Structure formats: structure tokens, C-alpha cells
PDB file of N, CA and C in Angstrom:
ATOM      1  N   UNK A   1       5.660  22.519   9.152  1.00  0.00           N
ATOM      2  CA  UNK A   1       6.881  21.756   8.997  1.00  0.00           C
ATOM      3  C   UNK A   1       7.428  21.961   7.594  1.00  0.00           C
ATOM      4  N   UNK A   2       8.699  21.988   7.493  1.00  0.00           N
ATOM      5  CA  UNK A   2       9.346  22.185   6.203  1.00  0.00           C
ATOM      6  C   UNK A   2       9.569  20.843   5.528  1.00  0.00           C
ATOM      7  N   UNK A   3       9.165  20.760   4.281  1.00  0.00           N
ATOM      8  CA  UNK A   3       9.366  19.544   3.498  1.00  0.00           C
ATOM      9  C   UNK A   3      10.429  19.826   2.454  1.00  0.00           C
ATOM     10  N   UNK A   4      11.340  18.904   2.302  1.00  0.00           N
ATOM     11  CA  UNK A   4      12.369  18.988   1.275  1.00  0.00           C
ATOM     12  C   UNK A   4      12.062  17.901   0.265  1.00  0.00           C
ATOM     13  N   UNK A   5      12.021  18.238  -1.012  1.00  0.00           N
ATOM     14  CA  UNK A   5      11.775  17.218  -2.026  1.00  0.00           C
ATOM     15  C   UNK A   5      13.014  17.078  -2.894  1.00  0.00           C
ATOM     16  N   UNK A   6      13.518  15.863  -2.969  1.00  0.00           N
ATOM     17  CA  UNK A   6      14.641  15.548  -3.835  1.00  0.00           C
ATOM     18  C   UNK A   6      14.352  14.241  -4.535  1.00  0.00           C
ATOM     19  N   UNK A   7      14.464  14.231  -5.832  1.00  0.00           N
ATOM     20  CA  UNK A   7      14.297  13.013  -6.630  1.00  0.00           C
ATOM     21  C   UNK A   7      12.998  12.292  -6.306  1.00  0.00           C
ATOM     22  N   UNK A   8      11.925  13.048  -6.061  1.00  0.00           N
ATOM     23  CA  UNK A   8      10.628  12.440  -5.819  1.00  0.00           C
ATOM     24  C   UNK A   8      10.394  11.926  -4.416  1.00  0.00           C
ATOM     25  N   UNK A   9      11.397  11.995  -3.549  1.00  0.00           N
ATOM     26  CA  UNK A   9      11.250  11.525  -2.174  1.00  0.00           C
ATOM     27  C   UNK A   9      10.937  12.716  -1.274  1.00  0.00           C
ATOM     28  N   UNK A  10      10.085  12.506  -0.296  1.00  0.00           N
ATOM     29  CA  UNK A  10       9.760  13.583   0.637  1.00  0.00           C
ATOM     30  C   UNK A  10      10.416  13.342   1.987  1.00  0.00           C
ATOM     31  N   UNK A  11      11.143  14.311   2.428  1.00  0.00           N
ATOM     32  CA  UNK A  11      11.806  14.297   3.719  1.00  0.00           C
ATOM     33  C   UNK A  11      11.481  15.591   4.439  1.00  0.00           C
ATOM     34  N   UNK A  12      11.543  15.540   5.739  1.00  0.00           N
ATOM     35  CA  UNK A  12      11.370  16.733   6.563  1.00  0.00           C
ATOM     36  C   UNK A  12      12.737  17.215   7.025  1.00  0.00           C
ATOM     37  N   UNK A  13      12.901  18.522   7.113  1.00  0.00           N
ATOM     38  CA  UNK A  13      14.153  19.125   7.553  1.00  0.00           C
ATOM     39  C   UNK A  13      14.282  18.915   9.057  1.00  0.00           C
ATOM     40  N   UNK A  14      15.138  17.998   9.445  1.00  0.00           N
ATOM     41  CA  UNK A  14      15.287  17.585  10.844  1.00  0.00           C
ATOM     42  C   UNK A  14      16.048  18.619  11.679  1.00  0.00           C
ATOM     43  N   UNK A  15      16.560  19.649  11.032  1.00  0.00           N
ATOM     44  CA  UNK A  15      17.280  20.703  11.743  1.00  0.00           C
ATOM     45  C   UNK A  15      16.354  21.788  12.284  1.00  0.00           C
ATOM     46  N   UNK A  16      15.097  21.755  11.908  1.00  0.00           N
ATOM     47  CA  UNK A  16      14.118  22.722  12.407  1.00  0.00           C
ATOM     48  C   UNK A  16      13.553  22.172  13.720  1.00  0.00           C
ATOM     49  N   UNK A  17      13.597  22.970  14.768  1.00  0.00           N
ATOM     50  CA  UNK A  17      13.235  22.505  16.119  1.00  0.00           C
ATOM     51  C   UNK A  17      11.846  21.872  16.168  1.00  0.00           C
ATOM     52  N   UNK A  18      10.850  22.487  15.550  1.00  0.00           N
ATOM     53  CA  UNK A  18       9.489  21.933  15.578  1.00  0.00           C
ATOM     54  C   UNK A  18       9.421  20.586  14.866  1.00  0.00           C
ATOM     55  N   UNK A  19      10.111  20.471  13.749  1.00  0.00           N
ATOM     56  CA  UNK A  19      10.144  19.205  13.013  1.00  0.00           C
ATOM     57  C   UNK A  19      10.828  18.142  13.867  1.00  0.00           C
ATOM     58  N   UNK A  20      11.958  18.492  14.448  1.00  0.00           N
ATOM     59  CA  UNK A  20      12.694  17.554  15.301  1.00  0.00           C
ATOM     60  C   UNK A  20      11.812  17.029  16.428  1.00  0.00           C
ATOM     61  N   UNK A  21      11.151  17.937  17.145  1.00  0.00           N
ATOM     62  CA  UNK A  21      10.308  17.525  18.269  1.00  0.00           C
ATOM     63  C   UNK A  21       9.160  16.641  17.818  1.00  0.00           C
ATOM     64  N   UNK A  22       8.501  17.026  16.738  1.00  0.00           N
ATOM     65  CA  UNK A  22       7.351  16.270  16.239  1.00  0.00           C
ATOM     66  C   UNK A  22       7.772  14.897  15.731  1.00  0.00           C
ATOM     67  N   UNK A  23       8.812  14.855  14.919  1.00  0.00           N
ATOM     68  CA  UNK A  23       9.233  13.588  14.324  1.00  0.00           C
ATOM     69  C   UNK A  23       9.877  12.661  15.356  1.00  0.00           C
ATOM     70  N   UNK A  24      10.555  13.216  16.341  1.00  0.00           N
ATOM     71  CA  UNK A  24      11.113  12.382  17.404  1.00  0.00           C
ATOM     72  C   UNK A  24       9.988  11.702  18.180  1.00  0.00           C
ATOM     73  N   UNK A  25       8.931  12.443  18.479  1.00  0.00           N
ATOM     74  CA  UNK A  25       7.778  11.854  19.169  1.00  0.00           C
ATOM     75  C   UNK A  25       7.130  10.785  18.300  1.00  0.00           C
ATOM     76  N   UNK A  26       7.009  11.046  16.998  1.00  0.00           N
ATOM     77  CA  UNK A  26       6.413  10.059  16.097  1.00  0.00           C
ATOM     78  C   UNK A  26       7.284   8.805  15.992  1.00  0.00           C
ATOM     79  N   UNK A  27       8.600   8.963  16.008  1.00  0.00           N
ATOM     80  CA  UNK A  27       9.499   7.815  15.919  1.00  0.00           C
ATOM     81  C   UNK A  27       9.321   6.877  17.104  1.00  0.00           C
ATOM     82  N   UNK A  28       8.953   7.425  18.235  1.00  0.00           N
ATOM     83  CA  UNK A  28       8.746   6.627  19.444  1.00  0.00           C
ATOM     84  C   UNK A  28       7.361   5.999  19.508  1.00  0.00           C
ATOM     85  N   UNK A  29       6.464   6.429  18.649  1.00  0.00           N
ATOM     86  CA  UNK A  29       5.084   5.944  18.643  1.00  0.00           C
ATOM     87  C   UNK A  29       5.043   4.501  18.137  1.00  0.00           C
ATOM     88  N   UNK A  30       4.256   3.672  18.771  1.00  0.00           N
ATOM     89  CA  UNK A  30       4.171   2.255  18.397  1.00  0.00           C
ATOM     90  C   UNK A  30       3.575   2.038  17.014  1.00  0.00           C
ATOM     91  N   UNK A  31       2.900   3.024  16.452  1.00  0.00           N
ATOM     92  CA  UNK A  31       2.311   2.897  15.122  1.00  0.00           C
ATOM     93  C   UNK A  31       3.271   3.267  14.000  1.00  0.00           C
ATOM     94  N   UNK A  32       4.433   3.789  14.344  1.00  0.00           N
ATOM     95  CA  UNK A  32       5.420   4.134  13.330  1.00  0.00           C
ATOM     96  C   UNK A  32       6.087   2.857  12.844  1.00  0.00           C
ATOM     97  N   UNK A  33       6.020   2.636  11.532  1.00  0.00           N
ATOM     98  CA  UNK A  33       6.565   1.408  10.949  1.00  0.00           C
ATOM     99  C   UNK A  33       8.068   1.486  10.745  1.00  0.00           C
ATOM    100  N   UNK A  34       8.565   2.650  10.321  1.00  0.00           N
ATOM    101  CA  UNK A  34       9.987   2.806  10.020  1.00  0.00           C
ATOM    102  C   UNK A  34      10.312   4.279   9.875  1.00  0.00           C
ATOM    103  N   UNK A  35      11.588   4.579   9.848  1.00  0.00           N
ATOM    104  CA  UNK A  35      12.019   5.936   9.520  1.00  0.00           C
ATOM    105  C   UNK A  35      13.433   5.907   8.968  1.00  0.00           C
ATOM    106  N   UNK A  36      13.754   6.934   8.217  1.00  0.00           N
ATOM    107  CA  UNK A  36      15.070   7.083   7.611  1.00  0.00           C
ATOM    108  C   UNK A  36      15.602   8.450   7.997  1.00  0.00           C
ATOM    109  N   UNK A  37      16.840   8.487   8.457  1.00  0.00           N
ATOM    110  CA  UNK A  37      17.497   9.757   8.755  1.00  0.00           C
ATOM    111  C   UNK A  37      18.739   9.839   7.891  1.00  0.00           C
ATOM    112  N   UNK A  38      18.862  10.926   7.158  1.00  0.00           N
ATOM    113  CA  UNK A  38      20.075  11.212   6.403  1.00  0.00           C
ATOM    114  C   UNK A  38      20.709  12.430   7.044  1.00  0.00           C
ATOM    115  N   UNK A  39      22.019  12.352   7.288  1.00  0.00           N
ATOM    116  CA  UNK A  39      22.635  13.482   7.964  1.00  0.00           C
ATOM    117  C   UNK A  39      24.115  13.605   7.641  1.00  0.00           C
ATOM    118  N   UNK A  40      24.611  14.773   7.929  1.00  0.00           N
ATOM    119  CA  UNK A  40      26.025  15.090   7.802  1.00  0.00           C
ATOM    120  C   UNK A  40      26.386  16.067   8.898  1.00  0.00           C
ATOM    121  N   UNK A  41      27.488  16.713   8.739  1.00  0.00           N
ATOM    122  CA  UNK A  41      27.982  17.642   9.756  1.00  0.00           C
ATOM    123  C   UNK A  41      27.033  18.825   9.978  1.00  0.00           C
ATOM    124  N   UNK A  42      26.435  19.335   8.910  1.00  0.00           N
ATOM    125  CA  UNK A  42      25.666  20.573   9.008  1.00  0.00           C
ATOM    126  C   UNK A  42      24.185  20.475   8.687  1.00  0.00           C
ATOM    127  N   UNK A  43      23.702  19.322   8.279  1.00  0.00           N
ATOM    128  CA  UNK A  43      22.274  19.218   7.976  1.00  0.00           C
ATOM    129  C   UNK A  43      21.778  17.786   8.127  1.00  0.00           C
ATOM    130  N   UNK A  44      20.464  17.686   8.342  1.00  0.00           N
ATOM    131  CA  UNK A  44      19.827  16.376   8.501  1.00  0.00           C
ATOM    132  C   UNK A  44      18.404  16.449   7.981  1.00  0.00           C
ATOM    133  N   UNK A  45      17.882  15.297   7.581  1.00  0.00           N
ATOM    134  CA  UNK A  45      16.486  15.211   7.161  1.00  0.00           C
ATOM    135  C   UNK A  45      15.955  13.846   7.542  1.00  0.00           C
ATOM    136  N   UNK A  46      14.623  13.743   7.639  1.00  0.00           N
ATOM    137  CA  UNK A  46      13.992  12.508   8.089  1.00  0.00           C
ATOM    138  C   UNK A  46      12.748  12.224   7.253  1.00  0.00           C
ATOM    139  N   UNK A  47      12.499  10.955   7.010  1.00  0.00           N
ATOM    140  CA  UNK A  47      11.280  10.482   6.364  1.00  0.00           C
ATOM    141  C   UNK A  47      10.749   9.331   7.208  1.00  0.00           C
ATOM    142  N   UNK A  48       9.432   9.180   7.227  1.00  0.00           N
ATOM    143  CA  UNK A  48       8.830   8.153   8.078  1.00  0.00           C
ATOM    144  C   UNK A  48       7.769   7.360   7.336  1.00  0.00           C
ATOM    145  N   UNK A  49       7.559   6.139   7.822  1.00  0.00           N
ATOM    146  CA  UNK A  49       6.514   5.252   7.317  1.00  0.00           C
ATOM    147  C   UNK A  49       6.602   5.056   5.803  1.00  0.00           C
ATOM    148  N   UNK A  50       7.802   4.711   5.375  1.00  0.00           N
ATOM    149  CA  UNK A  50       8.022   4.460   3.959  1.00  0.00           C
ATOM    150  C   UNK A  50       7.431   3.113   3.565  1.00  0.00           C
ATOM    151  N   UNK A  51       6.965   3.030   2.314  1.00  0.00           N
ATOM    152  CA  UNK A  51       6.462   1.736   1.846  1.00  0.00           C
ATOM    153  C   UNK A  51       7.627   0.947   1.238  1.00  0.00           C
ATOM    154  N   UNK A  52       7.358  -0.270   0.833  1.00  0.00           N
ATOM    155  CA  UNK A  52       8.396  -1.166   0.337  1.00  0.00           C
ATOM    156  C   UNK A  52       9.146  -0.571  -0.847  1.00  0.00           C
ATOM    157  N   UNK A  53       8.420   0.027  -1.769  1.00  0.00           N
ATOM    158  CA  UNK A  53       9.056   0.612  -2.956  1.00  0.00           C
ATOM    159  C   UNK A  53       9.975   1.777  -2.580  1.00  0.00           C
ATOM    160  N   UNK A  54       9.545   2.609  -1.633  1.00  0.00           N
ATOM    161  CA  UNK A  54      10.387   3.721  -1.183  1.00  0.00           C
ATOM    162  C   UNK A  54      11.699   3.206  -0.588  1.00  0.00           C
ATOM    163  N   UNK A  55      11.615   2.166   0.227  1.00  0.00           N
ATOM    164  CA  UNK A  55      12.817   1.597   0.843  1.00  0.00           C
ATOM    165  C   UNK A  55      13.722   0.984  -0.226  1.00  0.00           C
ATOM    166  N   UNK A  56      13.132   0.268  -1.174  1.00  0.00           N
ATOM    167  CA  UNK A  56      13.928  -0.310  -2.257  1.00  0.00           C
ATOM    168  C   UNK A  56      14.634   0.783  -3.053  1.00  0.00           C
ATOM    169  N   UNK A  57      13.934   1.893  -3.309  1.00  0.00           N
ATOM    170  CA  UNK A  57      14.550   3.000  -4.038  1.00  0.00           C
ATOM    171  C   UNK A  57      15.733   3.580  -3.267  1.00  0.00           C
ATOM    172  N   UNK A  58      15.569   3.751  -1.958  1.00  0.00           N
ATOM    173  CA  UNK A  58      16.665   4.275  -1.145  1.00  0.00           C
ATOM    174  C   UNK A  58      17.856   3.322  -1.133  1.00  0.00           C
ATOM    175  N   UNK A  59      17.578   2.027  -1.022  1.00  0.00           N
ATOM    176  CA  UNK A  59      18.653   1.046  -0.980  1.00  0.00           C
ATOM    177  C   UNK A  59      19.395   0.926  -2.313  1.00  0.00           C
ATOM    178  N   UNK A  60      18.710   1.235  -3.409  1.00  0.00           N
ATOM    179  CA  UNK A  60      19.342   1.120  -4.717  1.00  0.00           C
ATOM    180  C   UNK A  60      20.137   2.364  -5.104  1.00  0.00           C
ATOM    181  N   UNK A  61      19.982   3.448  -4.367  1.00  0.00           N
ATOM    182  CA  UNK A  61      20.745   4.663  -4.672  1.00  0.00           C
ATOM    183  C   UNK A  61      22.209   4.449  -4.325  1.00  0.00           C
ATOM    184  N   UNK A  62      23.061   4.729  -5.293  1.00  0.00           N
ATOM    185  CA  UNK A  62      24.496   4.544  -5.071  1.00  0.00           C
ATOM    186  C   UNK A  62      25.199   5.856  -4.733  1.00  0.00           C
ATOM    187  N   UNK A  63      24.546   6.972  -4.996  1.00  0.00           N
ATOM    188  CA  UNK A  63      25.175   8.261  -4.678  1.00  0.00           C
ATOM    189  C   UNK A  63      24.363   8.971  -3.600  1.00  0.00           C
ATOM    190  N   UNK A  64      25.051   9.798  -2.852  1.00  0.00           N
ATOM    191  CA  UNK A  64      24.420  10.570  -1.772  1.00  0.00           C
ATOM    192  C   UNK A  64      24.889  12.005  -1.861  1.00  0.00           C
ATOM    193  N   UNK A  65      24.133  12.885  -1.239  1.00  0.00           N
ATOM    194  CA  UNK A  65      24.547  14.272  -1.126  1.00  0.00           C
ATOM    195  C   UNK A  65      25.800  14.328  -0.254  1.00  0.00           C
ATOM    196  N   UNK A  66      26.793  15.083  -0.654  1.00  0.00           N
ATOM    197  CA  UNK A  66      28.003  15.185   0.157  1.00  0.00           C
ATOM    198  C   UNK A  66      27.709  15.852   1.496  1.00  0.00           C
ATOM    199  N   UNK A  67      26.640  16.634   1.565  1.00  0.00           N
ATOM    200  CA  UNK A  67      26.274  17.287   2.824  1.00  0.00           C
ATOM    201  C   UNK A  67      25.553  16.339   3.778  1.00  0.00           C
ATOM    202  N   UNK A  68      25.074  15.176   3.263  1.00  0.00           N
ATOM    203  CA  UNK A  68      24.397  14.170   4.084  1.00  0.00           C
ATOM    204  C   UNK A  68      24.894  12.776   3.684  1.00  0.00           C
ATOM    205  N   UNK A  69      26.136  12.435   4.005  1.00  0.00           N
ATOM    206  CA  UNK A  69      26.683  11.156   3.541  1.00  0.00           C
ATOM    207  C   UNK A  69      26.211   9.935   4.327  1.00  0.00           C
ATOM    208  N   UNK A  70      25.595  10.139   5.484  1.00  0.00           N
ATOM    209  CA  UNK A  70      25.188   9.010   6.337  1.00  0.00           C
ATOM    210  C   UNK A  70      23.682   8.822   6.232  1.00  0.00           C
ATOM    211  N   UNK A  71      23.262   7.568   6.079  1.00  0.00           N
ATOM    212  CA  UNK A  71      21.827   7.254   6.031  1.00  0.00           C
ATOM    213  C   UNK A  71      21.550   6.094   6.970  1.00  0.00           C
ATOM    214  N   UNK A  72      20.619   6.302   7.888  1.00  0.00           N
ATOM    215  CA  UNK A  72      20.153   5.236   8.785  1.00  0.00           C
ATOM    216  C   UNK A  72      18.729   4.883   8.393  1.00  0.00           C
ATOM    217  N   UNK A  73      18.495   3.585   8.192  1.00  0.00           N
ATOM    218  CA  UNK A  73      17.145   3.093   7.886  1.00  0.00           C
ATOM    219  C   UNK A  73      16.659   2.288   9.070  1.00  0.00           C
TER     220      UNK A  73
END
């Protein structure tokens, strides 16, 4: 699986078929606590099972990549 690292956060490239299939299955798993998807017209990425500090960091970010302006938590 491809990992993208930006500003210390780890996300998986959701546009890669294997990553999509694996992470979609994990999102449906009852043991998955949470997930974040950031996406735009041409790219997407996903992170899962974030801890409280990771979520707080995401919520405090005021700027986003123009290629991924939408974030679902």
C-alpha cells in the first residue's frame, strides 16, 4: 500500500485500487474506530483509527490542499 506523509500525518492513497479495497473493508469492520477521507476532483487519501490528538490536529488545520479541499471525519 502506498503511504503519503504530509505534515507528520500518515494517509493512504485512496486512488490505488488495492488500497481502496483494503481500506473500504476495514472501514466496515466493527473494530474500526474512525476514519478520515480527504478528496478532490482528481485525488483522495484516507487515514484510519486516529487518536484524539490526531483528530484535534486535523480539526485545527485552517488550510487544505487545493487538490483535496473536502475532508470527511
